[in-house]
Structures are given as structure tokens and as C-alpha cells.
Amino acid sequence: MTDRVKGHRTTDSGDARRDRWKSHRAARREEFVEAALRALATHGPDLAMEHVAHEAGVTKPVLYRHFTDKADLVVALGHRGTEILFERLIPAMNSEEAPVPRIRKSLDAFFSMIEEYPNLYRLLVRTTFAEKGIDADIVAEDKEVIANALASLLGDYMRAFEIDPGGAEVWGHGIVGMVQNVGEWWLERRTMGRDQVVEYLTMTIWAAIDGTLRSWGVTIDPDQPLELNKIVKLSLGDAG
């Protein structure tokens, strides 16, 4: 409904119109990212912009109104991959469970993501961001964020058990690096099922943690929840 004031029709402010247009563009961009995920499943990590445009039901010029180039789309896919991963990983890492089930659930969150979106993971891992003029390396950024959060979590537990927390960063980055390397190997070889690779990693990580704790005279039951439940201080905003 409009009003007339001194002969002029009052309308929405320019700011409101710009906000609506910005919201519309963001929504359309998200739609195209989802189309790119579907195209990845069909065409693999070497997909072209025309594959994405076809999947989205638009022409390439329309797609280029929302993405500067393919590098821009790859970055957007990377951010979407981060959202998918963190939506699964954060609840798993913060579950109030015994140590081993908590480790297992966190690992399964990661492996379920790369199993469901293998070509997205391959695209992001194989992309040489600097050479493509992309001012971001999504996988490296996520790895750093998760490793730092895990190091902080481990440090909290080590202090609670009166253990020197100096090695927490080594632990955090070592675990994340190992899991990523195993994930890349598993995607290409698939010599075992997801449950099996998760179980092997769970036991490997726990054996290392248990050995370290015992060297400090601390013994805990891996299948009993700890009275002290530390949480991972990690959110989607931390990843960019």
C-alpha cells in the first residue's frame, strides 16, 4: 500500500531494495553451488562451467553473473563443503560420550562426508589454488581450524589430568594430518568399507592417547564417559 505525501509516492528505500537484491543474488548463488555439487557427482572433479549451467538449467552467461570464473565457483564449493563437514563434525566431537565412541563418531563424520561427496573432496584436494589465482586454500584452512580446535580440546584434558599440555598442538595437527591422508588413500583404493577404516583409525588414535596417558600415570576406561566433558570450541564462522 502506498501513500502520497506532498504529491510524491513513498516507496521502499534504496537500501531496502538493495538488501532484497543482495538476498536474491545470494540465494541464486547457493542454488548454483548445489547444482555444481550435482554436476560433480556426474562429471567428476574436471567438470566445466557448461556442466554446471546445464545442471542448473541456465546459460553460461547467467552463471557468470554470479561467479567471476571457475575459480570463484571452486571457492564457493569449498565453503559449502566446509558447511557440510562442520554440520556433521561439530556435534560428533562435542558428544558427551566415552573417549573411544567419541573418537569413532568424529571420524565417521569426516568419512561419511567424503564418501557422500567424493568428487567435491577430490576437486578441493587436487586444486592448486595459487596457480589458479585463488586467494584461498579451503582444505588447508579447514585443516588448520580443526587441528587448532582439537589441540585446544586435548590441552584442556591434559591440564585437567595434570599432564604437561605442551604436546597438544603436536597431537592436534598430527591426528588431523593422519586422518586426511588416510581419507585420500581410502577414496582412491576402497580396499575396505567405511566402518572398517573408521575402526582402524579409532583404535590407532586411542592407542596413542592411552599410551601417553599411562606414561604420565593416568589410566582411564575408554568405554566410560568422563566426569569432565570438555567441548570443542569450533564453529562454521571459524573457517572463513
Protein backbone atom coordinates (compact mmCIF):
# COMPACT_ATOMS: atom_id res chain seq x y z
CA MET A 1 0.00 0.00 0.00
CA THR A 2 1.37 3.43 -0.93
CA ASP A 3 0.76 6.91 0.45
CA ARG A 4 1.03 10.32 -1.19
CA VAL A 5 2.92 12.99 0.67
CA LYS A 6 3.12 16.44 -0.93
CA GLY A 7 2.43 14.96 -4.34
CA HIS A 8 5.09 12.22 -4.13
CA ARG A 9 4.56 8.48 -3.85
CA THR A 10 6.51 6.97 -0.94
CA THR A 11 8.30 3.75 -1.81
CA ASP A 12 10.76 1.38 -0.19
CA SER A 13 14.11 2.99 0.44
CA GLY A 14 17.01 2.31 -1.89
CA ASP A 15 18.71 0.43 0.93
CA ALA A 16 15.77 -1.96 1.24
CA ARG A 17 15.77 -2.61 -2.49
CA ARG A 18 19.50 -3.25 -2.44
CA ASP A 19 19.11 -5.62 0.52
CA ARG A 20 16.42 -7.59 -1.33
CA TRP A 21 18.56 -7.78 -4.46
CA LYS A 22 21.58 -8.85 -2.44
CA SER A 23 19.50 -11.55 -0.74
CA HIS A 24 18.17 -12.71 -4.10
CA ARG A 25 21.68 -12.93 -5.57
CA ALA A 26 22.92 -14.87 -2.53
CA ALA A 27 20.01 -17.32 -2.87
CA ARG A 28 20.66 -17.79 -6.58
CA ARG A 29 24.37 -18.31 -5.91
CA GLU A 30 23.52 -21.01 -3.37
CA GLU A 31 21.26 -22.71 -5.95
CA PHE A 32 24.11 -22.76 -8.45
CA VAL A 33 26.51 -24.21 -5.87
CA GLU A 34 24.04 -27.04 -5.23
CA ALA A 35 23.78 -27.58 -8.99
CA ALA A 36 27.59 -27.71 -9.13
CA LEU A 37 27.56 -30.42 -6.44
CA ARG A 38 25.19 -32.49 -8.57
CA ALA A 39 27.31 -31.88 -11.67
CA LEU A 40 30.40 -33.00 -9.76
CA ALA A 41 28.71 -36.31 -8.97
CA THR A 42 28.15 -36.86 -12.72
CA HIS A 43 31.23 -35.34 -14.35
CA GLY A 44 33.89 -35.65 -11.65
CA PRO A 45 36.37 -33.05 -10.44
CA ASP A 46 37.19 -31.93 -14.00
CA LEU A 47 33.70 -30.55 -14.55
CA ALA A 48 33.34 -27.46 -16.71
CA MET A 49 31.17 -24.39 -16.23
CA GLU A 50 28.83 -25.60 -19.01
CA HIS A 51 28.16 -28.74 -16.96
CA VAL A 52 27.08 -26.60 -14.02
CA ALA A 53 24.96 -24.32 -16.23
CA HIS A 54 23.24 -27.34 -17.80
CA GLU A 55 22.54 -28.88 -14.39
CA ALA A 56 21.13 -25.56 -13.15
CA GLY A 57 19.01 -25.11 -16.28
CA VAL A 58 20.57 -21.78 -17.23
CA THR A 59 23.02 -20.48 -19.82
CA LYS A 60 26.68 -19.89 -19.07
CA PRO A 61 26.26 -16.08 -19.22
CA VAL A 62 23.68 -16.33 -16.42
CA LEU A 63 26.11 -18.39 -14.37
CA TYR A 64 28.86 -15.84 -14.93
CA ARG A 65 26.64 -13.12 -13.49
CA HIS A 66 27.06 -14.83 -10.13
CA PHE A 67 30.61 -16.21 -10.39
CA THR A 68 33.57 -14.32 -11.78
CA ASP A 69 35.11 -17.51 -13.16
CA LYS A 70 35.51 -21.19 -12.36
CA ALA A 71 37.97 -20.34 -9.58
CA ASP A 72 35.24 -18.32 -7.88
CA LEU A 73 32.88 -21.29 -8.15
CA VAL A 74 35.52 -23.65 -6.71
CA VAL A 75 35.92 -21.38 -3.67
CA ALA A 76 32.13 -21.34 -3.21
CA LEU A 77 32.08 -25.14 -3.44
CA GLY A 78 34.84 -25.24 -0.85
CA HIS A 79 32.83 -23.14 1.57
CA ARG A 80 29.79 -25.38 1.01
CA GLY A 81 31.95 -28.42 1.69
CA THR A 82 33.10 -26.82 4.94
CA GLU A 83 29.48 -26.29 5.98
CA ILE A 84 28.60 -29.91 5.25
CA LEU A 85 31.62 -31.21 7.14
CA PHE A 86 31.22 -28.98 10.19
CA GLU A 87 27.49 -29.68 10.44
CA ARG A 88 28.43 -33.32 10.99
CA LEU A 89 31.76 -32.95 12.77
CA ILE A 90 30.93 -30.40 15.47
CA PRO A 91 28.10 -32.41 17.11
CA ALA A 92 30.22 -35.58 16.91
CA MET A 93 33.28 -34.01 18.51
CA ASN A 94 31.15 -32.49 21.26
CA SER A 95 29.10 -35.59 22.07
CA GLU A 96 29.07 -36.45 25.77
CA GLU A 97 30.29 -39.99 25.29
CA ALA A 98 33.16 -42.18 26.38
CA PRO A 99 36.54 -41.44 24.73
CA VAL A 100 36.54 -44.22 22.15
CA PRO A 101 32.93 -43.77 20.98
CA ARG A 102 33.57 -40.04 20.75
CA ILE A 103 36.66 -40.58 18.59
CA ARG A 104 34.78 -43.10 16.44
CA LYS A 105 31.81 -40.79 15.91
CA SER A 106 34.07 -37.86 14.96
CA LEU A 107 35.98 -39.96 12.43
CA ASP A 108 32.76 -41.31 10.96
CA ALA A 109 31.50 -37.75 10.48
CA PHE A 110 34.52 -36.97 8.30
CA PHE A 111 34.44 -40.23 6.36
CA SER A 112 30.69 -40.03 5.79
CA MET A 113 31.20 -36.62 4.19
CA ILE A 114 33.97 -37.68 1.80
CA GLU A 115 32.09 -40.88 0.97
CA GLU A 116 28.95 -38.92 0.07
CA TYR A 117 30.82 -36.16 -1.78
CA PRO A 118 33.97 -37.86 -3.11
CA ASN A 119 34.36 -35.66 -6.18
CA LEU A 120 34.00 -32.49 -4.14
CA TYR A 121 36.79 -33.65 -1.88
CA ARG A 122 38.93 -34.68 -4.86
CA LEU A 123 38.35 -31.30 -6.52
CA LEU A 124 39.37 -29.35 -3.44
CA VAL A 125 42.36 -31.52 -2.54
CA ARG A 126 43.74 -31.61 -6.08
CA THR A 127 43.22 -27.94 -6.88
CA THR A 128 46.43 -25.92 -6.81
CA PHE A 129 44.82 -22.74 -5.57
CA ALA A 130 47.77 -20.39 -6.02
CA GLU A 131 48.29 -21.44 -9.64
CA LYS A 132 44.63 -20.80 -10.40
CA GLY A 133 44.73 -17.35 -8.89
CA ILE A 134 42.53 -18.34 -5.98
CA ASP A 135 43.30 -16.38 -2.85
CA ALA A 136 42.25 -19.25 -0.59
CA ASP A 137 43.00 -22.89 0.08
CA ILE A 138 39.82 -24.22 1.63
CA VAL A 139 41.17 -27.64 2.57
CA ALA A 140 44.27 -26.16 4.22
CA GLU A 141 42.14 -23.60 6.07
CA ASP A 142 39.73 -26.25 7.35
CA LYS A 143 42.62 -28.49 8.36
CA GLU A 144 44.20 -25.66 10.35
CA VAL A 145 40.93 -24.72 12.08
CA ILE A 146 40.11 -28.30 13.06
CA ALA A 147 43.68 -29.05 14.19
CA ASN A 148 43.79 -25.93 16.37
CA ALA A 149 40.40 -26.73 17.89
CA LEU A 150 41.45 -30.31 18.58
CA ALA A 151 44.73 -29.12 20.11
CA SER A 152 42.78 -26.80 22.40
CA LEU A 153 40.47 -29.65 23.43
CA LEU A 154 43.37 -32.01 24.13
CA GLY A 155 45.18 -29.29 26.05
CA ASP A 156 42.11 -28.81 28.25
CA TYR A 157 42.01 -32.52 29.07
CA MET A 158 45.76 -32.71 29.68
CA ARG A 159 45.61 -29.84 32.15
CA ALA A 160 42.62 -31.46 33.85
CA PHE A 161 44.67 -34.63 34.32
CA GLU A 162 47.65 -32.54 35.46
CA ILE A 163 49.67 -33.51 32.41
CA ASP A 164 52.01 -31.09 30.63
CA PRO A 165 49.87 -29.73 27.71
CA GLY A 166 52.93 -28.75 25.68
CA GLY A 167 52.36 -31.54 23.17
CA ALA A 168 48.70 -30.69 22.49
CA GLU A 169 49.44 -28.90 19.22
CA VAL A 170 51.60 -31.78 18.03
CA TRP A 171 48.71 -34.12 18.81
CA GLY A 172 46.09 -31.94 17.15
CA HIS A 173 47.96 -31.42 13.90
CA GLY A 174 49.28 -34.98 13.84
CA ILE A 175 45.84 -36.54 14.19
CA VAL A 176 44.24 -34.28 11.58
CA GLY A 177 47.08 -34.88 9.12
CA MET A 178 46.86 -38.62 9.57
CA VAL A 179 43.08 -38.68 9.11
CA GLN A 180 43.28 -36.55 5.97
CA ASN A 181 45.99 -38.73 4.42
CA VAL A 182 44.07 -41.91 5.21
CA GLY A 183 40.93 -40.31 3.77
CA GLU A 184 42.65 -39.53 0.47
CA TRP A 185 44.10 -43.07 0.30
CA TRP A 186 40.75 -44.64 1.13
CA LEU A 187 38.86 -42.68 -1.53
CA GLU A 188 41.17 -43.94 -4.24
CA ARG A 189 41.66 -47.54 -3.08
CA ARG A 190 38.47 -48.54 -1.24
CA THR A 191 40.11 -51.76 -0.07
CA MET A 192 37.81 -51.75 2.96
CA GLY A 193 34.45 -50.33 3.97
CA ARG A 194 33.92 -47.05 5.79
CA ASP A 195 33.15 -48.72 9.12
CA GLN A 196 36.36 -50.71 8.92
CA VAL A 197 38.66 -47.79 8.13
CA VAL A 198 36.99 -45.74 10.86
CA GLU A 199 37.54 -48.56 13.35
CA TYR A 200 41.22 -48.96 12.45
CA LEU A 201 41.79 -45.22 12.85
CA THR A 202 39.82 -45.13 16.10
CA MET A 203 41.98 -47.84 17.62
CA THR A 204 45.21 -46.25 16.33
CA ILE A 205 44.36 -42.85 17.79
CA TRP A 206 43.15 -44.27 21.08
CA ALA A 207 46.23 -46.50 21.46
CA ALA A 208 48.45 -43.43 21.11
CA ILE A 209 46.39 -41.40 23.58
CA ASP A 210 46.19 -44.27 26.06
CA GLY A 211 49.94 -44.85 25.86
CA THR A 212 50.66 -41.19 26.50
CA LEU A 213 48.26 -41.07 29.47
CA ARG A 214 49.80 -44.20 31.01
CA SER A 215 53.29 -42.72 30.69
CA TRP A 216 52.03 -39.96 32.99
CA GLY A 217 50.44 -42.46 35.37
CA VAL A 218 46.89 -41.80 34.21
CA THR A 219 44.54 -44.65 33.28
CA ILE A 220 41.00 -44.13 32.02
CA ASP A 221 38.33 -46.50 30.76
CA PRO A 222 37.91 -45.89 27.01
CA ASP A 223 34.29 -47.01 27.11
CA GLN A 224 33.12 -44.98 30.11
CA PRO A 225 32.14 -41.29 29.82
CA LEU A 226 34.48 -38.93 31.62
CA GLU A 227 33.10 -36.92 34.51
CA LEU A 228 34.78 -33.92 32.95
CA ASN A 229 33.32 -33.21 29.50
CA LYS A 230 35.37 -30.68 27.57
CA ILE A 231 33.95 -29.37 24.31
CA VAL A 232 35.49 -28.31 21.03
CA LYS A 233 35.36 -24.55 20.57
CA LEU A 234 34.62 -24.71 16.88
CA SER A 235 32.02 -23.04 14.69
CA LEU A 236 31.35 -22.51 10.99
CA GLY A 237 32.46 -18.92 11.37
CA ASP A 238 35.96 -20.05 12.34
CA ALA A 239 36.50 -21.46 8.86
CA GLY A 240 36.28 -18.28 6.97
